[in-house]
Amino acid sequence: MLPRLSAISFVFLFFAFAVLGTASKTHAQIMAQTTAQTTSKAKEKSASGLPLPRFVSIGGIEVNLRTGPGLQYPIDWVYRLKGLPLEIIAEHKTWRKVRDWEGAQGWVHQNMLSGKRTFIVMDGPHTIFKEADMASKQVARAETGVVGQLLVCEAGSGWCMVKADGFDGWMKRKHFWGIMDGESLN
């Protein structure tokens, strides 16, 4: 029997979405919309000189998502899951407009973000394999909401090497959110 990965924060996220209600779009629809929006624009340079859009992760333990780029704007959401991937879609001075895996958008101060590349499992559970081959040994099963680290993703490959809850292996790109289509990460 394979170990089942879980995320303590997933319980929090589940409770938060149950209380606040969830969006009517499915994860697949959000991913398709995000991909369409991302690929419809040529990669553009931002004020920081880095490409837009790009992925980062939450660097703090508690991060406020604001309705605008500044402390004067109200807090719309509070993230409490360090390492959660976010997609930067715009910049204004030291503020970054981000989108999360469920499509929520808002502004976060750059100091609350990390360049560490992470992923979140979508519509799980999904298998982590020893090799980038579905016939290889199964290492673990990752549930929806599990957050892990992206180690290697080769352009043109449907697989990425990941690490989650102490398990290293390969997972199909289509099973998680946190990397652009065709993006290479070494």
N, C-alpha and C. Protein backbone atom coordinates (compact mmCIF):
# COMPACT_ATOMS: atom_id res chain seq x y z
N MET A 1 0.84 -1.19 0.00
CA MET A 1 0.00 0.00 0.00
C MET A 1 0.88 1.24 0.00
N LEU A 2 0.55 2.18 -0.83
CA LEU A 2 1.31 3.42 -0.94
C LEU A 2 0.95 4.37 0.19
N PRO A 3 1.95 5.13 0.69
CA PRO A 3 1.61 6.15 1.69
C PRO A 3 0.76 7.23 1.04
N ARG A 4 -0.17 7.78 1.78
CA ARG A 4 -1.03 8.85 1.28
C ARG A 4 -0.54 10.15 1.90
N LEU A 5 -0.16 11.06 1.05
CA LEU A 5 0.31 12.35 1.53
C LEU A 5 -0.88 13.22 1.89
N SER A 6 -0.74 13.96 2.92
CA SER A 6 -1.80 14.89 3.29
C SER A 6 -1.18 16.22 3.63
N ALA A 7 -2.00 17.22 3.73
CA ALA A 7 -1.51 18.55 4.08
C ALA A 7 -2.40 19.08 5.21
N ILE A 8 -1.77 19.42 6.32
CA ILE A 8 -2.53 19.98 7.44
C ILE A 8 -3.27 21.23 6.98
N SER A 9 -2.61 22.01 6.18
CA SER A 9 -3.23 23.23 5.68
C SER A 9 -4.39 22.95 4.76
N PHE A 10 -4.42 21.77 4.15
CA PHE A 10 -5.54 21.42 3.29
C PHE A 10 -6.84 21.45 4.09
N VAL A 11 -6.77 20.99 5.35
CA VAL A 11 -7.96 21.02 6.20
C VAL A 11 -8.42 22.45 6.38
N PHE A 12 -7.46 23.37 6.61
CA PHE A 12 -7.81 24.77 6.74
C PHE A 12 -8.43 25.30 5.46
N LEU A 13 -7.78 24.99 4.32
CA LEU A 13 -8.32 25.45 3.04
C LEU A 13 -9.71 24.91 2.80
N PHE A 14 -9.91 23.62 3.09
CA PHE A 14 -11.22 23.01 2.90
C PHE A 14 -12.26 23.73 3.75
N PHE A 15 -11.93 24.00 5.02
CA PHE A 15 -12.86 24.68 5.91
C PHE A 15 -13.14 26.09 5.40
N ALA A 16 -12.07 26.79 4.98
CA ALA A 16 -12.26 28.17 4.50
C ALA A 16 -13.16 28.21 3.28
N PHE A 17 -12.96 27.28 2.36
CA PHE A 17 -13.79 27.27 1.16
C PHE A 17 -15.22 26.83 1.48
N ALA A 18 -15.36 25.94 2.45
CA ALA A 18 -16.70 25.51 2.83
C ALA A 18 -17.47 26.67 3.44
N VAL A 19 -16.79 27.49 4.24
CA VAL A 19 -17.44 28.62 4.89
C VAL A 19 -17.72 29.74 3.88
N LEU A 20 -16.72 30.05 3.07
CA LEU A 20 -16.85 31.16 2.14
C LEU A 20 -17.54 30.78 0.84
N GLY A 21 -17.67 29.49 0.59
CA GLY A 21 -18.24 29.04 -0.68
C GLY A 21 -17.13 28.94 -1.71
N THR A 22 -17.28 28.07 -2.67
CA THR A 22 -16.25 27.91 -3.68
C THR A 22 -16.71 28.53 -4.98
N ALA A 23 -15.76 28.79 -5.83
CA ALA A 23 -16.08 29.35 -7.15
C ALA A 23 -16.83 28.31 -7.95
N SER A 24 -17.62 28.76 -8.90
CA SER A 24 -18.41 27.83 -9.70
C SER A 24 -17.56 27.13 -10.75
N LYS A 25 -16.35 27.62 -10.99
CA LYS A 25 -15.48 27.00 -11.98
C LYS A 25 -14.76 25.80 -11.36
N THR A 26 -14.52 24.79 -12.17
CA THR A 26 -13.74 23.65 -11.71
C THR A 26 -12.27 24.00 -11.84
N HIS A 27 -11.41 23.19 -11.19
CA HIS A 27 -9.97 23.40 -11.28
C HIS A 27 -9.52 23.32 -12.73
N ALA A 28 -10.07 22.39 -13.49
CA ALA A 28 -9.69 22.23 -14.90
C ALA A 28 -10.03 23.50 -15.69
N GLN A 29 -11.20 24.09 -15.42
CA GLN A 29 -11.59 25.31 -16.11
C GLN A 29 -10.66 26.46 -15.75
N ILE A 30 -10.30 26.56 -14.47
CA ILE A 30 -9.40 27.63 -14.02
C ILE A 30 -8.03 27.45 -14.65
N MET A 31 -7.54 26.20 -14.67
CA MET A 31 -6.24 25.95 -15.28
C MET A 31 -6.26 26.29 -16.77
N ALA A 32 -7.34 25.92 -17.46
CA ALA A 32 -7.45 26.21 -18.89
C ALA A 32 -7.49 27.72 -19.12
N GLN A 33 -8.26 28.44 -18.28
CA GLN A 33 -8.35 29.89 -18.41
C GLN A 33 -6.99 30.54 -18.14
N THR A 34 -6.31 30.08 -17.09
CA THR A 34 -5.00 30.61 -16.75
C THR A 34 -4.01 30.37 -17.88
N THR A 35 -4.02 29.16 -18.42
CA THR A 35 -3.12 28.82 -19.52
C THR A 35 -3.42 29.68 -20.73
N ALA A 36 -4.70 29.86 -21.06
CA ALA A 36 -5.08 30.67 -22.21
C ALA A 36 -4.63 32.11 -22.03
N GLN A 37 -4.83 32.65 -20.82
CA GLN A 37 -4.43 34.03 -20.56
C GLN A 37 -2.92 34.17 -20.63
N THR A 38 -2.21 33.17 -20.11
CA THR A 38 -0.76 33.20 -20.09
C THR A 38 -0.19 33.08 -21.49
N THR A 39 -0.70 32.15 -22.28
CA THR A 39 -0.15 31.95 -23.62
C THR A 39 -0.63 32.99 -24.61
N SER A 40 -1.74 33.68 -24.32
CA SER A 40 -2.23 34.70 -25.24
C SER A 40 -1.34 35.93 -25.23
N LYS A 41 -0.63 36.14 -24.13
CA LYS A 41 0.30 37.26 -24.05
C LYS A 41 1.72 36.73 -24.29
N ALA A 42 2.49 37.49 -25.02
CA ALA A 42 3.90 37.14 -25.14
C ALA A 42 4.52 37.43 -23.78
N LYS A 43 5.56 36.68 -23.43
CA LYS A 43 6.23 36.95 -22.16
C LYS A 43 6.75 38.38 -22.20
N GLU A 44 6.29 39.17 -21.26
CA GLU A 44 6.70 40.56 -21.23
C GLU A 44 7.59 40.80 -20.03
N LYS A 45 8.42 41.82 -20.11
CA LYS A 45 9.28 42.17 -18.99
C LYS A 45 8.51 43.12 -18.08
N SER A 46 8.74 42.94 -16.80
CA SER A 46 8.05 43.76 -15.80
C SER A 46 8.98 44.87 -15.33
N ALA A 47 8.49 45.65 -14.39
CA ALA A 47 9.29 46.73 -13.81
C ALA A 47 10.53 46.16 -13.13
N SER A 48 10.43 44.96 -12.59
CA SER A 48 11.56 44.32 -11.91
C SER A 48 12.56 43.74 -12.91
N GLY A 49 12.18 43.69 -14.19
CA GLY A 49 13.04 43.11 -15.20
C GLY A 49 12.84 41.61 -15.36
N LEU A 50 11.95 41.04 -14.56
CA LEU A 50 11.65 39.61 -14.64
C LEU A 50 10.44 39.39 -15.53
N PRO A 51 10.33 38.21 -16.14
CA PRO A 51 9.21 37.98 -17.06
C PRO A 51 7.86 37.91 -16.34
N LEU A 52 6.83 38.29 -17.06
CA LEU A 52 5.45 38.14 -16.59
C LEU A 52 4.71 37.32 -17.62
N PRO A 53 3.88 36.42 -17.21
CA PRO A 53 3.69 35.95 -15.84
C PRO A 53 4.84 35.02 -15.45
N ARG A 54 4.95 34.75 -14.12
CA ARG A 54 5.94 33.82 -13.59
C ARG A 54 5.41 33.27 -12.27
N PHE A 55 5.96 32.15 -11.86
CA PHE A 55 5.53 31.53 -10.61
C PHE A 55 6.53 31.80 -9.50
N VAL A 56 5.99 31.99 -8.31
CA VAL A 56 6.75 32.14 -7.07
C VAL A 56 5.99 31.34 -6.01
N SER A 57 6.41 31.46 -4.78
CA SER A 57 5.66 30.81 -3.69
C SER A 57 5.55 31.76 -2.51
N ILE A 58 4.65 31.43 -1.62
CA ILE A 58 4.46 32.24 -0.41
C ILE A 58 5.65 32.00 0.51
N GLY A 59 6.28 33.09 0.93
CA GLY A 59 7.46 32.98 1.77
C GLY A 59 7.17 33.17 3.25
N GLY A 60 6.04 33.74 3.58
CA GLY A 60 5.71 34.00 4.97
C GLY A 60 4.71 33.00 5.52
N ILE A 61 4.55 33.02 6.81
CA ILE A 61 3.60 32.12 7.48
C ILE A 61 2.17 32.64 7.31
N GLU A 62 2.03 33.96 7.30
CA GLU A 62 0.72 34.58 7.11
C GLU A 62 0.89 35.74 6.12
N VAL A 63 0.21 35.64 4.98
CA VAL A 63 0.38 36.62 3.91
C VAL A 63 -0.99 37.19 3.53
N ASN A 64 -1.07 38.52 3.53
CA ASN A 64 -2.32 39.20 3.18
C ASN A 64 -2.41 39.41 1.66
N LEU A 65 -3.56 39.06 1.11
CA LEU A 65 -3.87 39.34 -0.29
C LEU A 65 -4.77 40.57 -0.27
N ARG A 66 -4.31 41.66 -0.86
CA ARG A 66 -5.03 42.93 -0.81
C ARG A 66 -5.72 43.22 -2.13
N THR A 67 -6.71 44.11 -2.08
CA THR A 67 -7.47 44.46 -3.28
C THR A 67 -6.71 45.42 -4.19
N GLY A 68 -5.64 46.00 -3.70
CA GLY A 68 -4.83 46.92 -4.49
C GLY A 68 -3.40 46.92 -4.01
N PRO A 69 -2.51 47.60 -4.74
CA PRO A 69 -1.08 47.58 -4.43
C PRO A 69 -0.67 48.59 -3.36
N GLY A 70 -1.00 48.33 -2.12
CA GLY A 70 -0.62 49.22 -1.03
C GLY A 70 -1.31 48.83 0.27
N LEU A 71 -0.73 49.28 1.38
CA LEU A 71 -1.30 48.96 2.69
C LEU A 71 -2.66 49.63 2.92
N GLN A 72 -2.96 50.68 2.15
CA GLN A 72 -4.24 51.37 2.31
C GLN A 72 -5.41 50.55 1.75
N TYR A 73 -5.12 49.53 0.95
CA TYR A 73 -6.18 48.71 0.36
C TYR A 73 -6.60 47.61 1.34
N PRO A 74 -7.89 47.27 1.34
CA PRO A 74 -8.37 46.25 2.27
C PRO A 74 -7.79 44.86 1.98
N ILE A 75 -7.71 44.06 3.03
CA ILE A 75 -7.28 42.67 2.91
C ILE A 75 -8.47 41.86 2.43
N ASP A 76 -8.29 41.16 1.34
CA ASP A 76 -9.34 40.34 0.75
C ASP A 76 -9.25 38.90 1.22
N TRP A 77 -8.04 38.44 1.49
CA TRP A 77 -7.81 37.04 1.83
C TRP A 77 -6.50 36.96 2.61
N VAL A 78 -6.38 35.96 3.49
CA VAL A 78 -5.13 35.72 4.21
C VAL A 78 -4.68 34.29 3.91
N TYR A 79 -3.47 34.17 3.37
CA TYR A 79 -2.89 32.84 3.12
C TYR A 79 -2.09 32.42 4.33
N ARG A 80 -2.28 31.18 4.75
CA ARG A 80 -1.56 30.65 5.90
C ARG A 80 -0.85 29.35 5.55
N LEU A 81 -0.43 29.23 4.31
CA LEU A 81 0.24 28.02 3.86
C LEU A 81 1.56 28.41 3.19
N LYS A 82 2.64 28.41 3.98
CA LYS A 82 3.95 28.75 3.44
C LYS A 82 4.29 27.77 2.32
N GLY A 83 4.81 28.31 1.22
CA GLY A 83 5.18 27.47 0.09
C GLY A 83 4.12 27.34 -0.97
N LEU A 84 2.92 27.82 -0.72
CA LEU A 84 1.85 27.74 -1.71
C LEU A 84 2.28 28.48 -2.97
N PRO A 85 2.16 27.85 -4.15
CA PRO A 85 2.56 28.56 -5.38
C PRO A 85 1.57 29.66 -5.74
N LEU A 86 2.10 30.74 -6.27
CA LEU A 86 1.30 31.84 -6.78
C LEU A 86 1.89 32.25 -8.13
N GLU A 87 1.03 32.75 -9.01
CA GLU A 87 1.47 33.23 -10.30
C GLU A 87 1.45 34.75 -10.27
N ILE A 88 2.60 35.37 -10.52
CA ILE A 88 2.66 36.83 -10.61
C ILE A 88 2.19 37.23 -12.00
N ILE A 89 1.16 38.08 -12.03
CA ILE A 89 0.59 38.48 -13.32
C ILE A 89 0.78 39.97 -13.61
N ALA A 90 1.19 40.76 -12.60
CA ALA A 90 1.45 42.19 -12.80
C ALA A 90 2.32 42.68 -11.65
N GLU A 91 2.92 43.84 -11.85
CA GLU A 91 3.75 44.47 -10.82
C GLU A 91 3.44 45.95 -10.73
N HIS A 92 3.55 46.48 -9.53
CA HIS A 92 3.47 47.93 -9.31
C HIS A 92 4.41 48.26 -8.16
N LYS A 93 5.53 48.87 -8.48
CA LYS A 93 6.58 49.18 -7.50
C LYS A 93 6.96 47.92 -6.74
N THR A 94 6.73 47.87 -5.42
CA THR A 94 7.12 46.70 -4.62
C THR A 94 5.96 45.71 -4.42
N TRP A 95 4.89 45.91 -5.14
CA TRP A 95 3.71 45.05 -5.00
C TRP A 95 3.57 44.14 -6.22
N ARG A 96 3.11 42.92 -5.97
CA ARG A 96 2.91 41.94 -7.04
C ARG A 96 1.46 41.50 -7.09
N LYS A 97 0.85 41.60 -8.26
CA LYS A 97 -0.50 41.09 -8.43
C LYS A 97 -0.36 39.60 -8.72
N VAL A 98 -1.03 38.79 -7.91
CA VAL A 98 -0.89 37.34 -8.02
C VAL A 98 -2.23 36.67 -8.25
N ARG A 99 -2.13 35.44 -8.75
CA ARG A 99 -3.30 34.58 -8.92
C ARG A 99 -2.96 33.26 -8.25
N ASP A 100 -3.93 32.70 -7.50
CA ASP A 100 -3.68 31.41 -6.86
C ASP A 100 -4.28 30.28 -7.69
N TRP A 101 -4.13 29.08 -7.22
CA TRP A 101 -4.54 27.87 -7.96
C TRP A 101 -6.04 27.79 -8.19
N GLU A 102 -6.81 28.57 -7.45
CA GLU A 102 -8.26 28.55 -7.64
C GLU A 102 -8.76 29.77 -8.41
N GLY A 103 -7.83 30.62 -8.84
CA GLY A 103 -8.21 31.77 -9.65
C GLY A 103 -8.37 33.07 -8.89
N ALA A 104 -8.24 33.05 -7.56
CA ALA A 104 -8.34 34.28 -6.78
C ALA A 104 -7.15 35.18 -7.12
N GLN A 105 -7.42 36.50 -7.23
CA GLN A 105 -6.37 37.46 -7.58
C GLN A 105 -6.34 38.59 -6.57
N GLY A 106 -5.16 39.13 -6.38
CA GLY A 106 -4.99 40.27 -5.49
C GLY A 106 -3.53 40.65 -5.44
N TRP A 107 -3.22 41.57 -4.54
CA TRP A 107 -1.88 42.14 -4.45
C TRP A 107 -1.18 41.72 -3.16
N VAL A 108 0.12 41.38 -3.30
CA VAL A 108 0.95 40.93 -2.18
C VAL A 108 2.26 41.72 -2.25
N HIS A 109 2.80 42.10 -1.09
CA HIS A 109 4.09 42.78 -1.08
C HIS A 109 5.18 41.79 -1.46
N GLN A 110 6.16 42.25 -2.24
CA GLN A 110 7.22 41.37 -2.74
C GLN A 110 8.00 40.67 -1.63
N ASN A 111 8.11 41.29 -0.45
CA ASN A 111 8.85 40.69 0.66
C ASN A 111 8.18 39.44 1.22
N MET A 112 6.92 39.22 0.89
CA MET A 112 6.19 38.06 1.39
C MET A 112 6.26 36.87 0.43
N LEU A 113 7.00 37.05 -0.67
CA LEU A 113 7.09 36.00 -1.69
C LEU A 113 8.50 35.43 -1.75
N SER A 114 8.59 34.21 -2.22
CA SER A 114 9.86 33.50 -2.35
C SER A 114 10.03 33.03 -3.79
N GLY A 115 11.26 32.95 -4.25
CA GLY A 115 11.55 32.42 -5.58
C GLY A 115 11.55 30.90 -5.61
N LYS A 116 11.41 30.27 -4.45
CA LYS A 116 11.39 28.80 -4.39
C LYS A 116 10.20 28.28 -5.19
N ARG A 117 10.44 27.33 -6.07
CA ARG A 117 9.38 26.82 -6.94
C ARG A 117 8.66 25.64 -6.28
N THR A 118 7.37 25.78 -6.20
CA THR A 118 6.53 24.77 -5.56
C THR A 118 5.36 24.43 -6.47
N PHE A 119 4.59 23.44 -6.05
CA PHE A 119 3.40 23.03 -6.80
C PHE A 119 2.30 22.68 -5.80
N ILE A 120 1.07 22.62 -6.30
CA ILE A 120 -0.06 22.14 -5.51
C ILE A 120 -0.82 21.13 -6.37
N VAL A 121 -1.14 20.00 -5.76
CA VAL A 121 -1.82 18.91 -6.47
C VAL A 121 -3.26 19.31 -6.75
N MET A 122 -3.67 19.07 -7.99
CA MET A 122 -5.03 19.38 -8.44
C MET A 122 -5.80 18.08 -8.65
N ASP A 123 -7.06 18.08 -8.28
CA ASP A 123 -7.97 16.97 -8.57
C ASP A 123 -7.35 15.61 -8.28
N GLY A 124 -6.74 15.47 -7.09
CA GLY A 124 -6.05 14.22 -6.70
C GLY A 124 -7.02 13.18 -6.21
N PRO A 125 -6.51 12.08 -5.77
CA PRO A 125 -5.09 11.80 -5.58
C PRO A 125 -4.41 11.43 -6.90
N HIS A 126 -3.08 11.70 -6.92
CA HIS A 126 -2.27 11.36 -8.07
C HIS A 126 -1.00 10.67 -7.59
N THR A 127 -0.47 9.81 -8.43
CA THR A 127 0.69 9.00 -8.07
C THR A 127 2.00 9.73 -8.36
N ILE A 128 2.94 9.58 -7.43
CA ILE A 128 4.32 10.00 -7.64
C ILE A 128 5.09 8.72 -7.96
N PHE A 129 5.80 8.72 -9.09
CA PHE A 129 6.52 7.54 -9.57
C PHE A 129 8.01 7.69 -9.33
N LYS A 130 8.70 6.55 -9.24
CA LYS A 130 10.16 6.55 -9.06
C LYS A 130 10.87 7.14 -10.28
N GLU A 131 10.37 6.85 -11.46
CA GLU A 131 10.92 7.37 -12.72
C GLU A 131 9.82 8.10 -13.48
N ALA A 132 10.20 8.82 -14.52
CA ALA A 132 9.23 9.53 -15.36
C ALA A 132 8.60 8.54 -16.34
N ASP A 133 7.93 7.56 -15.77
CA ASP A 133 7.34 6.47 -16.55
C ASP A 133 6.23 5.84 -15.70
N MET A 134 5.03 5.77 -16.26
CA MET A 134 3.90 5.22 -15.49
C MET A 134 4.07 3.74 -15.17
N ALA A 135 5.00 3.06 -15.83
CA ALA A 135 5.26 1.66 -15.56
C ALA A 135 6.27 1.48 -14.42
N SER A 136 6.89 2.58 -13.98
CA SER A 136 7.89 2.49 -12.91
C SER A 136 7.20 2.33 -11.55
N LYS A 137 8.01 2.07 -10.54
CA LYS A 137 7.51 1.86 -9.18
C LYS A 137 6.76 3.10 -8.68
N GLN A 138 5.65 2.86 -8.01
CA GLN A 138 4.89 3.95 -7.41
C GLN A 138 5.47 4.27 -6.04
N VAL A 139 5.78 5.53 -5.81
CA VAL A 139 6.41 5.97 -4.57
C VAL A 139 5.37 6.38 -3.54
N ALA A 140 4.37 7.17 -3.96
CA ALA A 140 3.34 7.69 -3.04
C ALA A 140 2.15 8.18 -3.85
N ARG A 141 1.06 8.45 -3.13
CA ARG A 141 -0.13 9.08 -3.72
C ARG A 141 -0.29 10.43 -3.04
N ALA A 142 -0.47 11.46 -3.84
CA ALA A 142 -0.62 12.82 -3.32
C ALA A 142 -2.07 13.28 -3.48
N GLU A 143 -2.67 13.68 -2.39
CA GLU A 143 -4.05 14.15 -2.37
C GLU A 143 -4.16 15.58 -2.90
N THR A 144 -5.35 15.97 -3.29
CA THR A 144 -5.63 17.35 -3.68
C THR A 144 -5.21 18.29 -2.55
N GLY A 145 -4.53 19.35 -2.89
CA GLY A 145 -4.13 20.34 -1.89
C GLY A 145 -2.74 20.12 -1.32
N VAL A 146 -2.10 18.99 -1.62
CA VAL A 146 -0.74 18.77 -1.14
C VAL A 146 0.19 19.74 -1.86
N VAL A 147 1.05 20.40 -1.09
CA VAL A 147 2.03 21.33 -1.64
C VAL A 147 3.41 20.70 -1.51
N GLY A 148 4.18 20.78 -2.58
CA GLY A 148 5.53 20.23 -2.58
C GLY A 148 6.47 21.11 -3.37
N GLN A 149 7.72 20.68 -3.46
CA GLN A 149 8.74 21.43 -4.16
C GLN A 149 8.96 20.86 -5.55
N LEU A 150 9.07 21.75 -6.52
CA LEU A 150 9.43 21.36 -7.89
C LEU A 150 10.95 21.30 -7.98
N LEU A 151 11.48 20.17 -8.44
CA LEU A 151 12.92 20.01 -8.54
C LEU A 151 13.43 20.15 -9.97
N VAL A 152 12.82 19.42 -10.90
CA VAL A 152 13.23 19.44 -12.30
C VAL A 152 12.01 19.30 -13.20
N CYS A 153 11.93 20.13 -14.22
CA CYS A 153 10.91 20.00 -15.26
C CYS A 153 11.60 20.33 -16.57
N GLU A 154 11.60 19.38 -17.48
CA GLU A 154 12.23 19.62 -18.78
C GLU A 154 11.19 20.11 -19.77
N ALA A 155 11.58 21.11 -20.56
CA ALA A 155 10.67 21.63 -21.59
C ALA A 155 10.29 20.50 -22.53
N GLY A 156 9.04 20.41 -22.90
CA GLY A 156 8.57 19.37 -23.81
C GLY A 156 8.25 18.06 -23.13
N SER A 157 8.54 17.96 -21.84
CA SER A 157 8.23 16.73 -21.10
C SER A 157 6.93 16.91 -20.34
N GLY A 158 6.17 15.86 -20.24
CA GLY A 158 4.94 15.90 -19.47
C GLY A 158 5.16 15.56 -18.01
N TRP A 159 6.42 15.43 -17.59
CA TRP A 159 6.77 15.02 -16.24
C TRP A 159 7.64 16.05 -15.54
N CYS A 160 7.52 16.10 -14.20
CA CYS A 160 8.41 16.92 -13.39
C CYS A 160 8.86 16.09 -12.18
N MET A 161 10.11 16.30 -11.77
CA MET A 161 10.60 15.67 -10.54
C MET A 161 10.15 16.56 -9.38
N VAL A 162 9.53 15.93 -8.39
CA VAL A 162 8.95 16.66 -7.27
C VAL A 162 9.39 16.06 -5.94
N LYS A 163 9.18 16.83 -4.89
CA LYS A 163 9.42 16.37 -3.53
C LYS A 163 8.25 16.84 -2.68
N ALA A 164 7.61 15.90 -1.99
CA ALA A 164 6.48 16.25 -1.12
C ALA A 164 6.47 15.33 0.08
N ASP A 165 6.40 15.89 1.26
CA ASP A 165 6.35 15.13 2.51
C ASP A 165 7.47 14.10 2.61
N GLY A 166 8.66 14.44 2.12
CA GLY A 166 9.80 13.55 2.20
C GLY A 166 9.88 12.51 1.10
N PHE A 167 8.97 12.52 0.16
CA PHE A 167 8.97 11.57 -0.96
C PHE A 167 9.43 12.29 -2.22
N ASP A 168 10.46 11.73 -2.88
CA ASP A 168 10.96 12.25 -4.15
C ASP A 168 10.49 11.34 -5.26
N GLY A 169 10.17 11.93 -6.40
CA GLY A 169 9.78 11.13 -7.55
C GLY A 169 9.28 12.01 -8.67
N TRP A 170 8.60 11.39 -9.61
CA TRP A 170 8.13 12.08 -10.80
C TRP A 170 6.61 12.09 -10.85
N MET A 171 6.07 13.23 -11.25
CA MET A 171 4.62 13.39 -11.36
C MET A 171 4.30 14.04 -12.69
N LYS A 172 3.18 13.66 -13.27
CA LYS A 172 2.73 14.27 -14.52
C LYS A 172 2.40 15.74 -14.26
N ARG A 173 2.84 16.61 -15.17
CA ARG A 173 2.57 18.05 -15.06
C ARG A 173 1.09 18.36 -14.97
N LYS A 174 0.29 17.61 -15.69
CA LYS A 174 -1.14 17.91 -15.75
C LYS A 174 -1.85 17.69 -14.42
N HIS A 175 -1.18 17.09 -13.44
CA HIS A 175 -1.80 16.79 -12.15
C HIS A 175 -1.54 17.85 -11.08
N PHE A 176 -0.79 18.88 -11.42
CA PHE A 176 -0.52 19.92 -10.43
C PHE A 176 -0.47 21.28 -11.09
N TRP A 177 -0.48 22.32 -10.25
CA TRP A 177 -0.43 23.71 -10.70
C TRP A 177 0.82 24.33 -10.09
N GLY A 178 1.57 25.09 -10.91
CA GLY A 178 2.74 25.78 -10.40
C GLY A 178 3.85 25.93 -11.41
N ILE A 179 3.59 25.57 -12.67
CA ILE A 179 4.59 25.73 -13.72
C ILE A 179 3.88 26.06 -15.03
N MET A 180 4.51 26.88 -15.85
CA MET A 180 3.92 27.26 -17.13
C MET A 180 4.02 26.09 -18.12
N ASP A 181 3.10 26.03 -19.07
CA ASP A 181 3.19 25.05 -20.13
C ASP A 181 4.50 25.23 -20.87
N GLY A 182 5.23 24.14 -21.05
CA GLY A 182 6.48 24.19 -21.80
C GLY A 182 7.65 24.79 -21.05
N GLU A 183 7.44 25.26 -19.82
CA GLU A 183 8.52 25.86 -19.05
C GLU A 183 9.53 24.80 -18.60
N SER A 184 10.79 25.17 -18.60
CA SER A 184 11.87 24.30 -18.16
C SER A 184 12.35 24.78 -16.80
N LEU A 185 12.62 23.83 -15.91
CA LEU A 185 13.11 24.16 -14.57
C LEU A 185 14.18 23.13 -14.22
N ASN A 186 15.39 23.58 -14.03
CA ASN A 186 16.50 22.65 -13.69
C ASN A 186 17.16 23.05 -12.40
